[in-house]
Amino acid sequence: MTRSVFTRRRILTAGIVLVAGGAAIAAGGGRNLFYDWLTEETRATAIDPAMAHSQSLAGEITLIDIRRPEEWAQTGSGEGAVRLDMRRKDFIAALDQIVDGDRAQPVALICARGVRSARMSNLLAAAGFTQIIDVPEGMFGSGAGPGWLRRGLPLDRSPVAPADRGT
């Protein structure tokens, strides 16, 4: 006789998990509290991808896509973004070069879902950058909103250059 994988205990456990998850979202006023828990607190100003796109094209901010080269190759980068892998050992020095040493220049960070950009915002603030902007929706969307891709914003799908791969 074969035993079913759907035992009473498993069904009860799954029900409890679903109820707890729903309660957590309801307690957060519809926000995903798990996403909030993952995302580091940041003092950076937050803007949505559409604003980041328009301000980048207008030259008002420098938009930095801090994801990995494989991620850029998979989706492309937001139009107007400079690709700079956050794992580079010389990340701060490379960013300094991009902004011509002006750490007061507005710099916006975008990643996949806003978690890494929040962390890097704090790192850059500690390094003396004074106008850090976070794009918490990221490319794929998050609890903050739908993201660059779902908003249908333009992409730069140019091949990832060897220089983009960092050191």
N, C-alpha and C. Protein backbone atom coordinates (compact mmCIF):
# COMPACT_ATOMS: atom_id res chain seq x y z
N MET A 1 0.84 -1.17 0.00
CA MET A 1 0.00 0.00 0.00
C MET A 1 0.90 1.25 0.00
N THR A 2 0.61 2.20 -0.90
CA THR A 2 1.38 3.44 -1.00
C THR A 2 0.83 4.46 -0.01
N ARG A 3 1.75 5.16 0.57
CA ARG A 3 1.35 6.15 1.55
C ARG A 3 1.31 7.53 0.89
N SER A 4 0.30 8.28 1.14
CA SER A 4 0.14 9.61 0.55
C SER A 4 1.09 10.60 1.21
N VAL A 5 1.63 11.52 0.40
CA VAL A 5 2.49 12.56 0.93
C VAL A 5 1.67 13.65 1.60
N PHE A 6 0.38 13.65 1.40
CA PHE A 6 -0.50 14.64 1.99
C PHE A 6 -1.05 14.14 3.32
N THR A 7 -0.23 14.13 4.32
CA THR A 7 -0.67 13.71 5.65
C THR A 7 -1.37 14.88 6.33
N ARG A 8 -2.12 14.59 7.36
CA ARG A 8 -2.79 15.65 8.11
C ARG A 8 -1.80 16.67 8.65
N ARG A 9 -0.68 16.18 9.14
CA ARG A 9 0.33 17.08 9.72
C ARG A 9 0.87 18.04 8.65
N ARG A 10 1.16 17.55 7.46
CA ARG A 10 1.69 18.42 6.40
C ARG A 10 0.64 19.42 5.94
N ILE A 11 -0.59 19.00 5.82
CA ILE A 11 -1.65 19.91 5.41
C ILE A 11 -1.86 20.99 6.48
N LEU A 12 -1.86 20.60 7.75
CA LEU A 12 -2.01 21.55 8.84
C LEU A 12 -0.84 22.53 8.88
N THR A 13 0.38 22.03 8.70
CA THR A 13 1.56 22.89 8.70
C THR A 13 1.49 23.90 7.55
N ALA A 14 1.12 23.44 6.38
CA ALA A 14 1.01 24.33 5.22
C ALA A 14 -0.05 25.40 5.47
N GLY A 15 -1.16 25.01 6.08
CA GLY A 15 -2.21 25.98 6.39
C GLY A 15 -1.74 27.03 7.37
N ILE A 16 -1.00 26.61 8.37
CA ILE A 16 -0.48 27.56 9.36
C ILE A 16 0.49 28.54 8.71
N VAL A 17 1.35 28.04 7.83
CA VAL A 17 2.31 28.90 7.14
C VAL A 17 1.58 29.92 6.27
N LEU A 18 0.54 29.48 5.57
CA LEU A 18 -0.22 30.40 4.72
C LEU A 18 -0.93 31.47 5.54
N VAL A 19 -1.54 31.07 6.65
CA VAL A 19 -2.23 32.03 7.51
C VAL A 19 -1.24 33.02 8.11
N ALA A 20 -0.09 32.52 8.58
CA ALA A 20 0.93 33.39 9.16
C ALA A 20 1.46 34.38 8.12
N GLY A 21 1.69 33.89 6.92
CA GLY A 21 2.17 34.77 5.85
C GLY A 21 1.16 35.84 5.51
N GLY A 22 -0.10 35.46 5.42
CA GLY A 22 -1.16 36.43 5.15
C GLY A 22 -1.28 37.45 6.27
N ALA A 23 -1.14 36.99 7.51
CA ALA A 23 -1.20 37.91 8.65
C ALA A 23 -0.04 38.89 8.63
N ALA A 24 1.14 38.41 8.24
CA ALA A 24 2.32 39.30 8.18
C ALA A 24 2.11 40.37 7.12
N ILE A 25 1.56 40.03 5.98
CA ILE A 25 1.30 41.01 4.93
C ILE A 25 0.22 41.98 5.38
N ALA A 26 -0.84 41.46 6.02
CA ALA A 26 -1.92 42.32 6.51
C ALA A 26 -1.39 43.27 7.59
N ALA A 27 -0.54 42.77 8.48
CA ALA A 27 0.02 43.60 9.55
C ALA A 27 0.90 44.71 8.98
N GLY A 28 1.48 44.46 7.85
CA GLY A 28 2.35 45.46 7.22
C GLY A 28 1.57 46.40 6.32
N GLY A 29 0.26 46.39 6.43
CA GLY A 29 -0.55 47.28 5.60
C GLY A 29 -0.46 46.92 4.13
N GLY A 30 -0.32 45.64 3.82
CA GLY A 30 -0.22 45.19 2.44
C GLY A 30 1.22 45.08 1.94
N ARG A 31 2.18 45.55 2.73
CA ARG A 31 3.60 45.44 2.35
C ARG A 31 4.10 44.05 2.67
N ASN A 32 5.06 43.61 1.93
CA ASN A 32 5.68 42.32 2.16
C ASN A 32 6.73 42.49 3.26
N LEU A 33 6.42 42.03 4.48
CA LEU A 33 7.32 42.21 5.61
C LEU A 33 8.61 41.40 5.44
N PHE A 34 8.56 40.28 4.71
CA PHE A 34 9.76 39.50 4.46
C PHE A 34 10.75 40.32 3.64
N TYR A 35 10.25 41.00 2.59
CA TYR A 35 11.09 41.87 1.78
C TYR A 35 11.67 42.98 2.66
N ASP A 36 10.82 43.57 3.52
CA ASP A 36 11.29 44.63 4.41
C ASP A 36 12.38 44.12 5.34
N TRP A 37 12.25 42.90 5.81
CA TRP A 37 13.25 42.32 6.70
C TRP A 37 14.59 42.14 5.98
N LEU A 38 14.53 41.72 4.70
CA LEU A 38 15.75 41.50 3.92
C LEU A 38 16.46 42.81 3.57
N THR A 39 15.68 43.85 3.34
CA THR A 39 16.25 45.10 2.86
C THR A 39 16.81 45.91 4.02
N GLU A 40 18.04 46.30 3.86
CA GLU A 40 18.72 47.08 4.88
C GLU A 40 18.14 48.49 4.92
N GLU A 41 18.03 49.05 6.12
CA GLU A 41 17.59 50.44 6.26
C GLU A 41 18.63 51.34 5.62
N THR A 42 18.17 52.37 4.94
CA THR A 42 19.08 53.30 4.30
C THR A 42 18.55 54.71 4.45
N ARG A 43 19.46 55.66 4.52
CA ARG A 43 19.05 57.06 4.57
C ARG A 43 19.01 57.66 3.17
N ALA A 44 19.30 56.87 2.18
CA ALA A 44 19.31 57.36 0.80
C ALA A 44 17.90 57.79 0.39
N THR A 45 17.84 58.77 -0.48
CA THR A 45 16.58 59.17 -1.09
C THR A 45 16.15 58.04 -2.01
N ALA A 46 14.86 57.76 -2.07
CA ALA A 46 14.34 56.70 -2.96
C ALA A 46 13.57 57.33 -4.11
N ILE A 47 13.81 56.81 -5.31
CA ILE A 47 13.04 57.22 -6.48
C ILE A 47 12.63 55.97 -7.24
N ASP A 48 11.59 56.10 -8.07
CA ASP A 48 11.15 54.95 -8.86
C ASP A 48 11.95 54.89 -10.16
N PRO A 49 11.88 53.75 -10.86
CA PRO A 49 12.68 53.59 -12.08
C PRO A 49 12.38 54.64 -13.17
N ALA A 50 11.13 55.06 -13.31
CA ALA A 50 10.80 56.06 -14.33
C ALA A 50 11.52 57.38 -14.04
N MET A 51 11.54 57.78 -12.77
CA MET A 51 12.23 59.01 -12.38
C MET A 51 13.74 58.84 -12.58
N ALA A 52 14.26 57.67 -12.21
CA ALA A 52 15.70 57.42 -12.40
C ALA A 52 16.07 57.51 -13.87
N HIS A 53 15.22 56.96 -14.72
CA HIS A 53 15.47 56.98 -16.16
C HIS A 53 15.48 58.42 -16.67
N SER A 54 14.44 59.18 -16.36
CA SER A 54 14.36 60.55 -16.89
C SER A 54 15.47 61.44 -16.34
N GLN A 55 15.78 61.31 -15.05
CA GLN A 55 16.83 62.14 -14.47
C GLN A 55 18.21 61.75 -15.01
N SER A 56 18.40 60.47 -15.28
CA SER A 56 19.67 60.02 -15.85
C SER A 56 19.86 60.58 -17.25
N LEU A 57 18.83 60.49 -18.08
CA LEU A 57 18.93 61.01 -19.45
C LEU A 57 19.10 62.52 -19.46
N ALA A 58 18.54 63.21 -18.45
CA ALA A 58 18.67 64.67 -18.37
C ALA A 58 20.01 65.09 -17.78
N GLY A 59 20.81 64.13 -17.32
CA GLY A 59 22.10 64.44 -16.73
C GLY A 59 22.01 64.95 -15.29
N GLU A 60 20.86 64.76 -14.66
CA GLU A 60 20.66 65.23 -13.29
C GLU A 60 21.24 64.27 -12.25
N ILE A 61 21.34 63.00 -12.62
CA ILE A 61 21.92 61.98 -11.74
C ILE A 61 22.82 61.08 -12.57
N THR A 62 23.70 60.36 -11.89
CA THR A 62 24.45 59.28 -12.52
C THR A 62 23.82 58.00 -12.03
N LEU A 63 23.22 57.24 -12.92
CA LEU A 63 22.55 55.97 -12.58
C LEU A 63 23.55 54.84 -12.74
N ILE A 64 23.74 54.07 -11.66
CA ILE A 64 24.71 52.98 -11.66
C ILE A 64 23.98 51.66 -11.48
N ASP A 65 24.13 50.75 -12.45
CA ASP A 65 23.58 49.39 -12.34
C ASP A 65 24.66 48.55 -11.66
N ILE A 66 24.42 48.17 -10.40
CA ILE A 66 25.44 47.50 -9.60
C ILE A 66 25.36 45.97 -9.67
N ARG A 67 24.52 45.45 -10.56
CA ARG A 67 24.38 44.00 -10.65
C ARG A 67 25.62 43.36 -11.27
N ARG A 68 25.58 42.03 -11.37
CA ARG A 68 26.70 41.27 -11.94
C ARG A 68 26.62 41.24 -13.47
N PRO A 69 27.75 41.05 -14.14
CA PRO A 69 27.75 40.98 -15.61
C PRO A 69 26.77 39.96 -16.18
N GLU A 70 26.60 38.82 -15.49
CA GLU A 70 25.65 37.81 -15.99
C GLU A 70 24.23 38.37 -15.98
N GLU A 71 23.93 39.20 -14.99
CA GLU A 71 22.61 39.80 -14.90
C GLU A 71 22.40 40.83 -16.00
N TRP A 72 23.44 41.63 -16.29
CA TRP A 72 23.34 42.59 -17.38
C TRP A 72 23.12 41.86 -18.70
N ALA A 73 23.85 40.76 -18.89
CA ALA A 73 23.72 39.99 -20.14
C ALA A 73 22.32 39.40 -20.27
N GLN A 74 21.74 39.01 -19.14
CA GLN A 74 20.41 38.38 -19.16
C GLN A 74 19.31 39.37 -19.52
N THR A 75 19.32 40.55 -18.93
CA THR A 75 18.20 41.48 -19.11
C THR A 75 18.56 42.78 -19.82
N GLY A 76 19.85 43.07 -19.91
CA GLY A 76 20.26 44.39 -20.32
C GLY A 76 20.25 45.28 -19.08
N SER A 77 20.68 46.50 -19.25
CA SER A 77 20.66 47.50 -18.18
C SER A 77 19.66 48.57 -18.55
N GLY A 78 19.23 49.32 -17.56
CA GLY A 78 18.34 50.43 -17.86
C GLY A 78 19.05 51.44 -18.74
N GLU A 79 18.33 51.96 -19.73
CA GLU A 79 18.91 52.97 -20.61
C GLU A 79 19.43 54.13 -19.76
N GLY A 80 20.66 54.54 -20.03
CA GLY A 80 21.27 55.64 -19.30
C GLY A 80 22.10 55.21 -18.11
N ALA A 81 22.04 53.92 -17.75
CA ALA A 81 22.79 53.44 -16.58
C ALA A 81 24.23 53.10 -16.96
N VAL A 82 25.11 53.31 -16.01
CA VAL A 82 26.50 52.90 -16.14
C VAL A 82 26.62 51.57 -15.41
N ARG A 83 27.23 50.59 -16.03
CA ARG A 83 27.40 49.28 -15.41
C ARG A 83 28.65 49.27 -14.54
N LEU A 84 28.45 48.90 -13.26
CA LEU A 84 29.58 48.82 -12.33
C LEU A 84 29.26 47.73 -11.31
N ASP A 85 29.89 46.59 -11.49
CA ASP A 85 29.67 45.42 -10.63
C ASP A 85 30.06 45.76 -9.19
N MET A 86 29.12 45.65 -8.28
CA MET A 86 29.37 46.01 -6.89
C MET A 86 30.41 45.12 -6.22
N ARG A 87 30.73 43.97 -6.81
CA ARG A 87 31.72 43.05 -6.21
C ARG A 87 33.15 43.44 -6.52
N ARG A 88 33.32 44.42 -7.39
CA ARG A 88 34.68 44.85 -7.73
C ARG A 88 35.42 45.32 -6.49
N LYS A 89 36.65 44.90 -6.37
CA LYS A 89 37.48 45.32 -5.23
C LYS A 89 37.70 46.83 -5.25
N ASP A 90 37.71 47.40 -6.46
CA ASP A 90 37.95 48.84 -6.61
C ASP A 90 36.65 49.60 -6.88
N PHE A 91 35.54 49.11 -6.37
CA PHE A 91 34.23 49.71 -6.67
C PHE A 91 34.22 51.22 -6.37
N ILE A 92 34.64 51.60 -5.18
CA ILE A 92 34.61 53.02 -4.78
C ILE A 92 35.51 53.84 -5.70
N ALA A 93 36.71 53.34 -5.97
CA ALA A 93 37.64 54.06 -6.85
C ALA A 93 37.06 54.18 -8.26
N ALA A 94 36.43 53.10 -8.74
CA ALA A 94 35.82 53.14 -10.08
C ALA A 94 34.66 54.14 -10.12
N LEU A 95 33.85 54.16 -9.07
CA LEU A 95 32.75 55.13 -9.01
C LEU A 95 33.30 56.55 -8.92
N ASP A 96 34.36 56.74 -8.16
CA ASP A 96 35.01 58.05 -8.10
C ASP A 96 35.42 58.52 -9.49
N GLN A 97 35.94 57.59 -10.29
CA GLN A 97 36.35 57.92 -11.65
C GLN A 97 35.13 58.32 -12.49
N ILE A 98 34.03 57.60 -12.33
CA ILE A 98 32.81 57.89 -13.10
C ILE A 98 32.29 59.29 -12.79
N VAL A 99 32.35 59.70 -11.51
CA VAL A 99 31.83 61.01 -11.11
C VAL A 99 32.94 62.07 -11.03
N ASP A 100 34.08 61.78 -11.63
CA ASP A 100 35.22 62.72 -11.66
C ASP A 100 35.61 63.19 -10.26
N GLY A 101 35.54 62.28 -9.29
CA GLY A 101 35.96 62.60 -7.93
C GLY A 101 34.99 63.47 -7.14
N ASP A 102 33.85 63.79 -7.74
CA ASP A 102 32.87 64.66 -7.07
C ASP A 102 31.88 63.80 -6.28
N ARG A 103 32.19 63.58 -5.01
CA ARG A 103 31.35 62.73 -4.17
C ARG A 103 30.06 63.42 -3.74
N ALA A 104 29.87 64.67 -4.13
CA ALA A 104 28.62 65.38 -3.88
C ALA A 104 27.66 65.26 -5.06
N GLN A 105 28.13 64.65 -6.15
CA GLN A 105 27.28 64.47 -7.33
C GLN A 105 26.19 63.44 -7.02
N PRO A 106 24.94 63.67 -7.43
CA PRO A 106 23.87 62.69 -7.19
C PRO A 106 24.14 61.37 -7.93
N VAL A 107 24.16 60.29 -7.18
CA VAL A 107 24.40 58.95 -7.72
C VAL A 107 23.23 58.06 -7.32
N ALA A 108 22.57 57.46 -8.31
CA ALA A 108 21.46 56.54 -8.05
C ALA A 108 21.92 55.12 -8.31
N LEU A 109 21.56 54.21 -7.42
CA LEU A 109 21.94 52.81 -7.53
C LEU A 109 20.72 51.95 -7.83
N ILE A 110 20.89 51.01 -8.77
CA ILE A 110 19.82 50.06 -9.08
C ILE A 110 20.42 48.66 -9.12
N CYS A 111 19.67 47.70 -8.60
CA CYS A 111 20.08 46.29 -8.65
C CYS A 111 18.86 45.50 -9.14
N ALA A 112 18.76 44.25 -8.78
CA ALA A 112 17.64 43.43 -9.24
C ALA A 112 16.34 43.76 -8.51
N ARG A 113 16.39 43.80 -7.17
CA ARG A 113 15.18 43.97 -6.37
C ARG A 113 15.31 44.96 -5.22
N GLY A 114 16.37 45.76 -5.20
CA GLY A 114 16.50 46.81 -4.19
C GLY A 114 17.25 46.44 -2.93
N VAL A 115 17.62 45.18 -2.76
CA VAL A 115 18.32 44.78 -1.54
C VAL A 115 19.78 45.23 -1.60
N ARG A 116 20.46 44.90 -2.68
CA ARG A 116 21.87 45.27 -2.81
C ARG A 116 22.06 46.78 -2.92
N SER A 117 21.14 47.46 -3.59
CA SER A 117 21.29 48.92 -3.73
C SER A 117 21.17 49.60 -2.37
N ALA A 118 20.31 49.11 -1.49
CA ALA A 118 20.21 49.69 -0.14
C ALA A 118 21.51 49.49 0.62
N ARG A 119 22.07 48.29 0.53
CA ARG A 119 23.34 48.03 1.22
C ARG A 119 24.47 48.90 0.68
N MET A 120 24.55 49.01 -0.63
CA MET A 120 25.61 49.81 -1.24
C MET A 120 25.41 51.29 -0.97
N SER A 121 24.16 51.74 -0.84
CA SER A 121 23.91 53.14 -0.49
C SER A 121 24.56 53.48 0.84
N ASN A 122 24.42 52.59 1.79
CA ASN A 122 25.03 52.81 3.11
C ASN A 122 26.55 52.79 3.02
N LEU A 123 27.10 51.89 2.23
CA LEU A 123 28.55 51.82 2.06
C LEU A 123 29.09 53.10 1.43
N LEU A 124 28.37 53.61 0.42
CA LEU A 124 28.82 54.84 -0.24
C LEU A 124 28.69 56.05 0.69
N ALA A 125 27.65 56.09 1.50
CA ALA A 125 27.51 57.18 2.46
C ALA A 125 28.68 57.16 3.44
N ALA A 126 29.06 55.97 3.89
CA ALA A 126 30.20 55.85 4.81
C ALA A 126 31.50 56.26 4.13
N ALA A 127 31.57 56.13 2.79
CA ALA A 127 32.77 56.50 2.05
C ALA A 127 32.80 57.98 1.69
N GLY A 128 31.75 58.73 2.09
CA GLY A 128 31.75 60.16 1.86
C GLY A 128 30.92 60.66 0.70
N PHE A 129 30.19 59.78 0.02
CA PHE A 129 29.27 60.24 -1.02
C PHE A 129 28.06 60.85 -0.31
N THR A 130 27.64 62.03 -0.73
CA THR A 130 26.63 62.75 0.03
C THR A 130 25.24 62.77 -0.60
N GLN A 131 25.12 62.43 -1.87
CA GLN A 131 23.81 62.44 -2.53
C GLN A 131 23.53 61.08 -3.15
N ILE A 132 23.29 60.10 -2.30
CA ILE A 132 23.02 58.74 -2.75
C ILE A 132 21.51 58.58 -2.92
N ILE A 133 21.13 58.00 -4.03
CA ILE A 133 19.73 57.76 -4.34
C ILE A 133 19.55 56.27 -4.58
N ASP A 134 18.53 55.69 -3.98
CA ASP A 134 18.24 54.27 -4.14
C ASP A 134 17.05 54.10 -5.07
N VAL A 135 17.11 53.10 -5.93
CA VAL A 135 15.97 52.72 -6.77
C VAL A 135 15.49 51.38 -6.21
N PRO A 136 14.67 51.40 -5.14
CA PRO A 136 14.34 50.17 -4.42
C PRO A 136 13.49 49.16 -5.19
N GLU A 137 12.84 49.58 -6.26
CA GLU A 137 12.08 48.63 -7.07
C GLU A 137 13.00 47.72 -7.85
N GLY A 138 14.20 48.22 -8.15
CA GLY A 138 15.16 47.44 -8.93
C GLY A 138 14.69 47.18 -10.35
N MET A 139 15.35 46.25 -11.00
CA MET A 139 15.00 45.89 -12.36
C MET A 139 13.77 44.99 -12.42
N PHE A 140 13.64 44.08 -11.43
CA PHE A 140 12.58 43.08 -11.47
C PHE A 140 11.36 43.41 -10.63
N GLY A 141 11.44 44.45 -9.82
CA GLY A 141 10.34 44.78 -8.93
C GLY A 141 10.56 44.20 -7.55
N SER A 142 9.88 44.82 -6.59
CA SER A 142 10.02 44.42 -5.19
C SER A 142 8.78 44.89 -4.45
N GLY A 143 8.83 44.85 -3.14
CA GLY A 143 7.74 45.37 -2.34
C GLY A 143 7.54 46.86 -2.58
N ALA A 144 8.55 47.53 -3.14
CA ALA A 144 8.48 48.97 -3.40
C ALA A 144 7.73 49.30 -4.68
N GLY A 145 7.57 48.33 -5.59
CA GLY A 145 6.88 48.59 -6.86
C GLY A 145 7.28 47.60 -7.94
N PRO A 146 6.76 47.80 -9.15
CA PRO A 146 6.91 46.81 -10.23
C PRO A 146 8.30 46.69 -10.86
N GLY A 147 9.14 47.68 -10.73
CA GLY A 147 10.48 47.58 -11.30
C GLY A 147 10.59 48.09 -12.73
N TRP A 148 11.83 48.23 -13.16
CA TRP A 148 12.17 48.78 -14.48
C TRP A 148 11.55 47.96 -15.60
N LEU A 149 11.72 46.65 -15.55
CA LEU A 149 11.27 45.79 -16.65
C LEU A 149 9.76 45.80 -16.80
N ARG A 150 9.02 45.63 -15.71
CA ARG A 150 7.55 45.60 -15.79
C ARG A 150 6.97 46.97 -16.15
N ARG A 151 7.71 48.01 -15.88
CA ARG A 151 7.27 49.35 -16.28
C ARG A 151 7.49 49.58 -17.78
N GLY A 152 8.23 48.67 -18.40
CA GLY A 152 8.47 48.78 -19.84
C GLY A 152 9.43 49.89 -20.22
N LEU A 153 10.33 50.24 -19.31
CA LEU A 153 11.29 51.30 -19.61
C LEU A 153 12.38 50.79 -20.56
N PRO A 154 12.99 51.68 -21.32
CA PRO A 154 13.99 51.26 -22.32
C PRO A 154 15.23 50.61 -21.70
N LEU A 155 15.80 49.70 -22.47
CA LEU A 155 16.96 48.93 -22.01
C LEU A 155 18.16 49.14 -22.93
N ASP A 156 19.32 49.01 -22.35
CA ASP A 156 20.58 48.96 -23.09
C ASP A 156 20.98 47.49 -23.11
N ARG A 157 20.85 46.86 -24.25
CA ARG A 157 21.18 45.44 -24.38
C ARG A 157 22.53 45.23 -25.05
N SER A 158 23.38 46.25 -25.01
CA SER A 158 24.70 46.09 -25.62
C SER A 158 25.47 44.99 -24.89
N PRO A 159 26.36 44.31 -25.61
CA PRO A 159 27.13 43.23 -24.96
C PRO A 159 27.92 43.77 -23.77
N VAL A 160 28.12 42.91 -22.82
CA VAL A 160 28.92 43.25 -21.64
C VAL A 160 30.37 43.30 -22.06
N ALA A 161 30.98 44.47 -21.94
CA ALA A 161 32.37 44.66 -22.34
C ALA A 161 33.29 44.04 -21.30
N PRO A 162 34.47 43.56 -21.71
CA PRO A 162 35.43 43.01 -20.74
C PRO A 162 35.74 43.99 -19.61
N ALA A 163 35.79 45.29 -19.91
CA ALA A 163 36.07 46.28 -18.88
C ALA A 163 34.95 46.33 -17.83
N ASP A 164 33.72 45.99 -18.24
CA ASP A 164 32.59 45.98 -17.31
C ASP A 164 32.70 44.84 -16.30
N ARG A 165 33.46 43.83 -16.64
CA ARG A 165 33.56 42.66 -15.77
C ARG A 165 34.37 42.93 -14.51
N GLY A 166 35.11 44.02 -14.50
CA GLY A 166 35.82 44.42 -13.29
C GLY A 166 37.05 43.58 -13.03
N THR A 167 37.54 43.74 -11.79
CA THR A 167 38.75 43.02 -11.39
C THR A 167 38.48 42.07 -10.27
